[in-house]
Amino acid sequence: MSDQELDERFPLGATFADRLNYLFNARLSPSGKPFTNREVSVVSAGALSPQYISQLRRGEVTMPGIDKIHAFARAFGVPDTFFFGGTSTAPQVDDLDEADLLREAARHPVMREILLESRGYTSDEWAVMLDMMRYARAAIERGRTQEGSGGHRESSPRRRRRDDV
């Protein structure tokens, strides 16, 4: 969307509800249909309830807290600044690609299970989970590098049994 189109779509004074409803109409869920309030709630890992989303979309709540804005931005794959106005905040092509990647990930059965299993975690618990995933990825990459350089790597780590102690 060009700056002019964005200015026309979101003139000065456009509300949070205007921008949020635009994303609900412009972005598709993994099912290929527009997102429902419930789906966005699930994608936000419960940070946004369907009822709260409905109030925001109807303009009953005019501006959510930054944590809620961040949850919406992550759910729709746009920068947080999208909700604050100005033409520089239009979703860019890279943002749309990320949204496509997120939708694709949500279609994967294991990713869907991870998402559903993680409901109710706090922000701190999410940060710990993300650190664990990054650590695991680094370990996997190190193993691939060792394999490629002729280093020995077991096909899978052996679990310690009580007898091994």
C-alpha atoms as a PDB file:
ATOM      1  CA  MET A   1       0.000   0.000   0.000  1.00  0.00           C
ATOM      2  CA  SER A   2       1.444   3.369  -1.010  1.00  0.00           C
ATOM      3  CA  ASP A   3       1.726   6.344   1.335  1.00  0.00           C
ATOM      4  CA  GLN A   4      -1.121   8.080  -0.516  1.00  0.00           C
ATOM      5  CA  GLU A   5      -3.388   5.015  -0.211  1.00  0.00           C
ATOM      6  CA  LEU A   6      -2.540   4.765   3.476  1.00  0.00           C
ATOM      7  CA  ASP A   7      -3.318   8.465   3.968  1.00  0.00           C
ATOM      8  CA  GLU A   8      -6.680   7.925   2.260  1.00  0.00           C
ATOM      9  CA  ARG A   9      -7.431   4.801   4.279  1.00  0.00           C
ATOM     10  CA  PHE A  10      -6.261   6.292   7.577  1.00  0.00           C
ATOM     11  CA  PRO A  11      -6.795  10.059   7.456  1.00  0.00           C
ATOM     12  CA  LEU A  12      -5.637  12.187  10.344  1.00  0.00           C
ATOM     13  CA  GLY A  13      -7.799  11.223  13.286  1.00  0.00           C
ATOM     14  CA  ALA A  14      -8.237   7.581  12.276  1.00  0.00           C
ATOM     15  CA  THR A  15      -8.983   5.583  15.410  1.00  0.00           C
ATOM     16  CA  PHE A  16      -7.336   2.517  16.817  1.00  0.00           C
ATOM     17  CA  ALA A  17     -10.541   0.648  15.873  1.00  0.00           C
ATOM     18  CA  ASP A  18     -10.151   1.787  12.234  1.00  0.00           C
ATOM     19  CA  ARG A  19      -6.627   0.404  12.046  1.00  0.00           C
ATOM     20  CA  LEU A  20      -7.494  -2.788  13.900  1.00  0.00           C
ATOM     21  CA  ASN A  21     -10.527  -3.494  11.716  1.00  0.00           C
ATOM     22  CA  TYR A  22      -8.392  -2.865   8.633  1.00  0.00           C
ATOM     23  CA  LEU A  23      -6.016  -5.646   9.756  1.00  0.00           C
ATOM     24  CA  PHE A  24      -8.912  -8.000  10.469  1.00  0.00           C
ATOM     25  CA  ASN A  25     -10.096  -7.443   6.888  1.00  0.00           C
ATOM     26  CA  ALA A  26      -6.685  -7.381   5.195  1.00  0.00           C
ATOM     27  CA  ARG A  27      -4.967 -10.333   6.879  1.00  0.00           C
ATOM     28  CA  LEU A  28      -6.152 -13.900   6.542  1.00  0.00           C
ATOM     29  CA  SER A  29      -6.066 -16.593   9.198  1.00  0.00           C
ATOM     30  CA  PRO A  30      -4.414 -19.969   8.544  1.00  0.00           C
ATOM     31  CA  SER A  31      -7.817 -21.178   7.292  1.00  0.00           C
ATOM     32  CA  GLY A  32      -7.617 -18.591   4.495  1.00  0.00           C
ATOM     33  CA  LYS A  33     -10.534 -16.609   5.925  1.00  0.00           C
ATOM     34  CA  PRO A  34     -10.498 -13.331   7.863  1.00  0.00           C
ATOM     35  CA  PHE A  35      -9.385 -13.730  11.468  1.00  0.00           C
ATOM     36  CA  THR A  36     -12.032 -14.057  14.153  1.00  0.00           C
ATOM     37  CA  ASN A  37     -11.652 -12.408  17.544  1.00  0.00           C
ATOM     38  CA  ARG A  38     -11.185 -15.872  19.063  1.00  0.00           C
ATOM     39  CA  GLU A  39      -8.379 -16.762  16.621  1.00  0.00           C
ATOM     40  CA  VAL A  40      -6.502 -13.555  17.409  1.00  0.00           C
ATOM     41  CA  SER A  41      -6.949 -14.310  21.106  1.00  0.00           C
ATOM     42  CA  VAL A  42      -5.364 -17.744  20.589  1.00  0.00           C
ATOM     43  CA  VAL A  43      -2.522 -16.327  18.478  1.00  0.00           C
ATOM     44  CA  SER A  44      -1.865 -13.776  21.236  1.00  0.00           C
ATOM     45  CA  ALA A  45      -1.519 -16.667  23.704  1.00  0.00           C
ATOM     46  CA  GLY A  46      -4.401 -15.270  25.722  1.00  0.00           C
ATOM     47  CA  ALA A  47      -2.980 -11.744  26.072  1.00  0.00           C
ATOM     48  CA  LEU A  48      -6.128 -10.519  24.311  1.00  0.00           C
ATOM     49  CA  SER A  49      -9.541 -11.920  25.181  1.00  0.00           C
ATOM     50  CA  PRO A  50     -12.188 -12.180  22.439  1.00  0.00           C
ATOM     51  CA  GLN A  51     -14.424  -9.848  24.458  1.00  0.00           C
ATOM     52  CA  TYR A  52     -11.700  -7.206  24.806  1.00  0.00           C
ATOM     53  CA  ILE A  53     -10.914  -7.439  21.083  1.00  0.00           C
ATOM     54  CA  SER A  54     -14.607  -6.906  20.338  1.00  0.00           C
ATOM     55  CA  GLN A  55     -14.710  -3.798  22.549  1.00  0.00           C
ATOM     56  CA  LEU A  56     -11.658  -2.385  20.757  1.00  0.00           C
ATOM     57  CA  ARG A  57     -13.089  -3.117  17.311  1.00  0.00           C
ATOM     58  CA  ARG A  58     -16.353  -1.347  18.206  1.00  0.00           C
ATOM     59  CA  GLY A  59     -14.454   1.642  19.641  1.00  0.00           C
ATOM     60  CA  GLU A  60     -15.763   1.092  23.172  1.00  0.00           C
ATOM     61  CA  VAL A  61     -12.141   1.023  24.335  1.00  0.00           C
ATOM     62  CA  THR A  62     -10.290   3.728  22.440  1.00  0.00           C
ATOM     63  CA  MET A  63      -6.631   2.944  23.161  1.00  0.00           C
ATOM     64  CA  PRO A  64      -5.254  -0.219  24.738  1.00  0.00           C
ATOM     65  CA  GLY A  65      -2.042  -0.432  26.731  1.00  0.00           C
ATOM     66  CA  ILE A  66       1.276  -0.921  24.972  1.00  0.00           C
ATOM     67  CA  ASP A  67       1.343  -4.617  25.926  1.00  0.00           C
ATOM     68  CA  LYS A  68      -1.968  -5.136  24.100  1.00  0.00           C
ATOM     69  CA  ILE A  69      -0.766  -3.140  21.086  1.00  0.00           C
ATOM     70  CA  HIS A  70       2.338  -5.320  20.989  1.00  0.00           C
ATOM     71  CA  ALA A  71       0.182  -8.472  21.125  1.00  0.00           C
ATOM     72  CA  PHE A  72      -1.910  -7.241  18.173  1.00  0.00           C
ATOM     73  CA  ALA A  73       1.199  -6.271  16.218  1.00  0.00           C
ATOM     74  CA  ARG A  74       2.701  -9.731  16.712  1.00  0.00           C
ATOM     75  CA  ALA A  75      -0.575 -11.483  15.871  1.00  0.00           C
ATOM     76  CA  PHE A  76      -0.933  -9.583  12.583  1.00  0.00           C
ATOM     77  CA  GLY A  77       2.770  -9.327  11.754  1.00  0.00           C
ATOM     78  CA  VAL A  78       2.997  -5.538  11.666  1.00  0.00           C
ATOM     79  CA  PRO A  79       5.218  -3.137  13.609  1.00  0.00           C
ATOM     80  CA  ASP A  80       3.751  -1.749  16.833  1.00  0.00           C
ATOM     81  CA  THR A  81       3.922   1.710  15.264  1.00  0.00           C
ATOM     82  CA  PHE A  82       1.253   0.722  12.728  1.00  0.00           C
ATOM     83  CA  PHE A  83      -1.341   1.554  15.381  1.00  0.00           C
ATOM     84  CA  PHE A  84      -0.027   5.056  16.066  1.00  0.00           C
ATOM     85  CA  GLY A  85      -0.593   6.658  12.661  1.00  0.00           C
ATOM     86  CA  GLY A  86       1.478   8.323   9.982  1.00  0.00           C
ATOM     87  CA  THR A  87       2.402   6.991   6.570  1.00  0.00           C
ATOM     88  CA  SER A  88       5.732   5.644   7.765  1.00  0.00           C
ATOM     89  CA  THR A  89       3.854   3.001   9.745  1.00  0.00           C
ATOM     90  CA  ALA A  90       2.282   1.164   6.806  1.00  0.00           C
ATOM     91  CA  PRO A  91       2.956  -2.559   6.798  1.00  0.00           C
ATOM     92  CA  GLN A  92       5.911  -3.187   4.504  1.00  0.00           C
ATOM     93  CA  VAL A  93       6.492  -6.133   2.184  1.00  0.00           C
ATOM     94  CA  ASP A  94       8.830  -7.715   4.757  1.00  0.00           C
ATOM     95  CA  ASP A  95       6.055  -7.484   7.366  1.00  0.00           C
ATOM     96  CA  LEU A  96       3.638  -9.240   5.021  1.00  0.00           C
ATOM     97  CA  ASP A  97       6.209 -11.974   4.412  1.00  0.00           C
ATOM     98  CA  GLU A  98       6.531 -12.451   8.181  1.00  0.00           C
ATOM     99  CA  ALA A  99       2.745 -12.666   8.469  1.00  0.00           C
ATOM    100  CA  ASP A 100       2.729 -15.348   5.785  1.00  0.00           C
ATOM    101  CA  LEU A 101       5.431 -17.242   7.685  1.00  0.00           C
ATOM    102  CA  LEU A 102       3.406 -17.017  10.892  1.00  0.00           C
ATOM    103  CA  ARG A 103       0.286 -18.314   9.149  1.00  0.00           C
ATOM    104  CA  GLU A 104       2.288 -21.167   7.653  1.00  0.00           C
ATOM    105  CA  ALA A 105       3.742 -22.018  11.079  1.00  0.00           C
ATOM    106  CA  ALA A 106       0.260 -22.003  12.623  1.00  0.00           C
ATOM    107  CA  ARG A 107      -0.800 -24.645  10.065  1.00  0.00           C
ATOM    108  CA  HIS A 108       1.930 -27.030  11.224  1.00  0.00           C
ATOM    109  CA  PRO A 109       0.471 -29.506  13.745  1.00  0.00           C
ATOM    110  CA  VAL A 110       3.424 -29.313  16.147  1.00  0.00           C
ATOM    111  CA  MET A 111       3.493 -25.500  16.085  1.00  0.00           C
ATOM    112  CA  ARG A 112      -0.249 -25.413  16.665  1.00  0.00           C
ATOM    113  CA  GLU A 113       0.196 -27.739  19.660  1.00  0.00           C
ATOM    114  CA  ILE A 114       2.980 -25.531  21.050  1.00  0.00           C
ATOM    115  CA  LEU A 115       0.778 -22.463  20.691  1.00  0.00           C
ATOM    116  CA  LEU A 116      -2.190 -24.090  22.394  1.00  0.00           C
ATOM    117  CA  GLU A 117      -0.027 -25.612  25.136  1.00  0.00           C
ATOM    118  CA  SER A 118       1.554 -22.259  25.939  1.00  0.00           C
ATOM    119  CA  ARG A 119      -1.659 -20.422  26.778  1.00  0.00           C
ATOM    120  CA  GLY A 120      -1.527 -18.636  30.106  1.00  0.00           C
ATOM    121  CA  TYR A 121       2.228 -18.084  30.233  1.00  0.00           C
ATOM    122  CA  THR A 122       3.418 -14.734  31.557  1.00  0.00           C
ATOM    123  CA  SER A 123       5.729 -12.472  29.540  1.00  0.00           C
ATOM    124  CA  ASP A 124       8.663 -13.623  31.675  1.00  0.00           C
ATOM    125  CA  GLU A 125       7.819 -17.271  31.023  1.00  0.00           C
ATOM    126  CA  TRP A 126       7.590 -16.549  27.283  1.00  0.00           C
ATOM    127  CA  ALA A 127      11.044 -14.952  27.429  1.00  0.00           C
ATOM    128  CA  VAL A 128      12.459 -18.059  29.114  1.00  0.00           C
ATOM    129  CA  MET A 129      10.841 -20.285  26.462  1.00  0.00           C
ATOM    130  CA  LEU A 130      12.274 -18.125  23.676  1.00  0.00           C
ATOM    131  CA  ASP A 131      15.749 -18.301  25.248  1.00  0.00           C
ATOM    132  CA  MET A 132      15.440 -22.090  25.442  1.00  0.00           C
ATOM    133  CA  MET A 133      14.448 -22.285  21.779  1.00  0.00           C
ATOM    134  CA  ARG A 134      17.382 -20.073  20.758  1.00  0.00           C
ATOM    135  CA  TYR A 135      19.757 -22.215  22.822  1.00  0.00           C
ATOM    136  CA  ALA A 136      18.383 -25.373  21.190  1.00  0.00           C
ATOM    137  CA  ARG A 137      18.726 -23.879  17.715  1.00  0.00           C
ATOM    138  CA  ALA A 138      22.351 -22.877  18.410  1.00  0.00           C
ATOM    139  CA  ALA A 139      23.118 -26.409  19.647  1.00  0.00           C
ATOM    140  CA  ILE A 140      21.535 -27.930  16.536  1.00  0.00           C
ATOM    141  CA  GLU A 141      23.512 -25.586  14.275  1.00  0.00           C
ATOM    142  CA  ARG A 142      26.753 -26.456  16.102  1.00  0.00           C
ATOM    143  CA  GLY A 143      25.991 -30.132  15.527  1.00  0.00           C
ATOM    144  CA  ARG A 144      25.385 -29.550  11.830  1.00  0.00           C
ATOM    145  CA  THR A 145      28.648 -27.634  11.564  1.00  0.00           C
ATOM    146  CA  GLN A 146      30.545 -30.470  13.271  1.00  0.00           C
ATOM    147  CA  GLU A 147      28.967 -33.018  10.931  1.00  0.00           C
ATOM    148  CA  GLY A 148      29.928 -30.933   7.907  1.00  0.00           C
ATOM    149  CA  SER A 149      33.546 -30.601   9.062  1.00  0.00           C
ATOM    150  CA  GLY A 150      33.997 -34.313   9.686  1.00  0.00           C
ATOM    151  CA  GLY A 151      33.524 -34.069  13.431  1.00  0.00           C
ATOM    152  CA  HIS A 152      31.743 -36.897  15.240  1.00  0.00           C
ATOM    153  CA  ARG A 153      28.185 -36.318  16.321  1.00  0.00           C
ATOM    154  CA  GLU A 154      25.782 -38.845  17.756  1.00  0.00           C
ATOM    155  CA  SER A 155      22.502 -39.077  15.880  1.00  0.00           C
ATOM    156  CA  SER A 156      20.580 -38.265  19.041  1.00  0.00           C
ATOM    157  CA  PRO A 157      21.598 -37.481  22.589  1.00  0.00           C
ATOM    158  CA  ARG A 158      21.527 -40.450  24.939  1.00  0.00           C
ATOM    159  CA  ARG A 159      19.411 -40.013  28.014  1.00  0.00           C
ATOM    160  CA  ARG A 160      21.007 -40.830  31.322  1.00  0.00           C
ATOM    161  CA  ARG A 161      19.409 -43.714  33.075  1.00  0.00           C
ATOM    162  CA  ARG A 162      19.416 -44.217  36.810  1.00  0.00           C
ATOM    163  CA  ASP A 163      21.739 -47.201  36.284  1.00  0.00           C
ATOM    164  CA  ASP A 164      24.351 -44.893  34.698  1.00  0.00           C
ATOM    165  CA  VAL A 165      24.983 -42.985  37.943  1.00  0.00           C
END
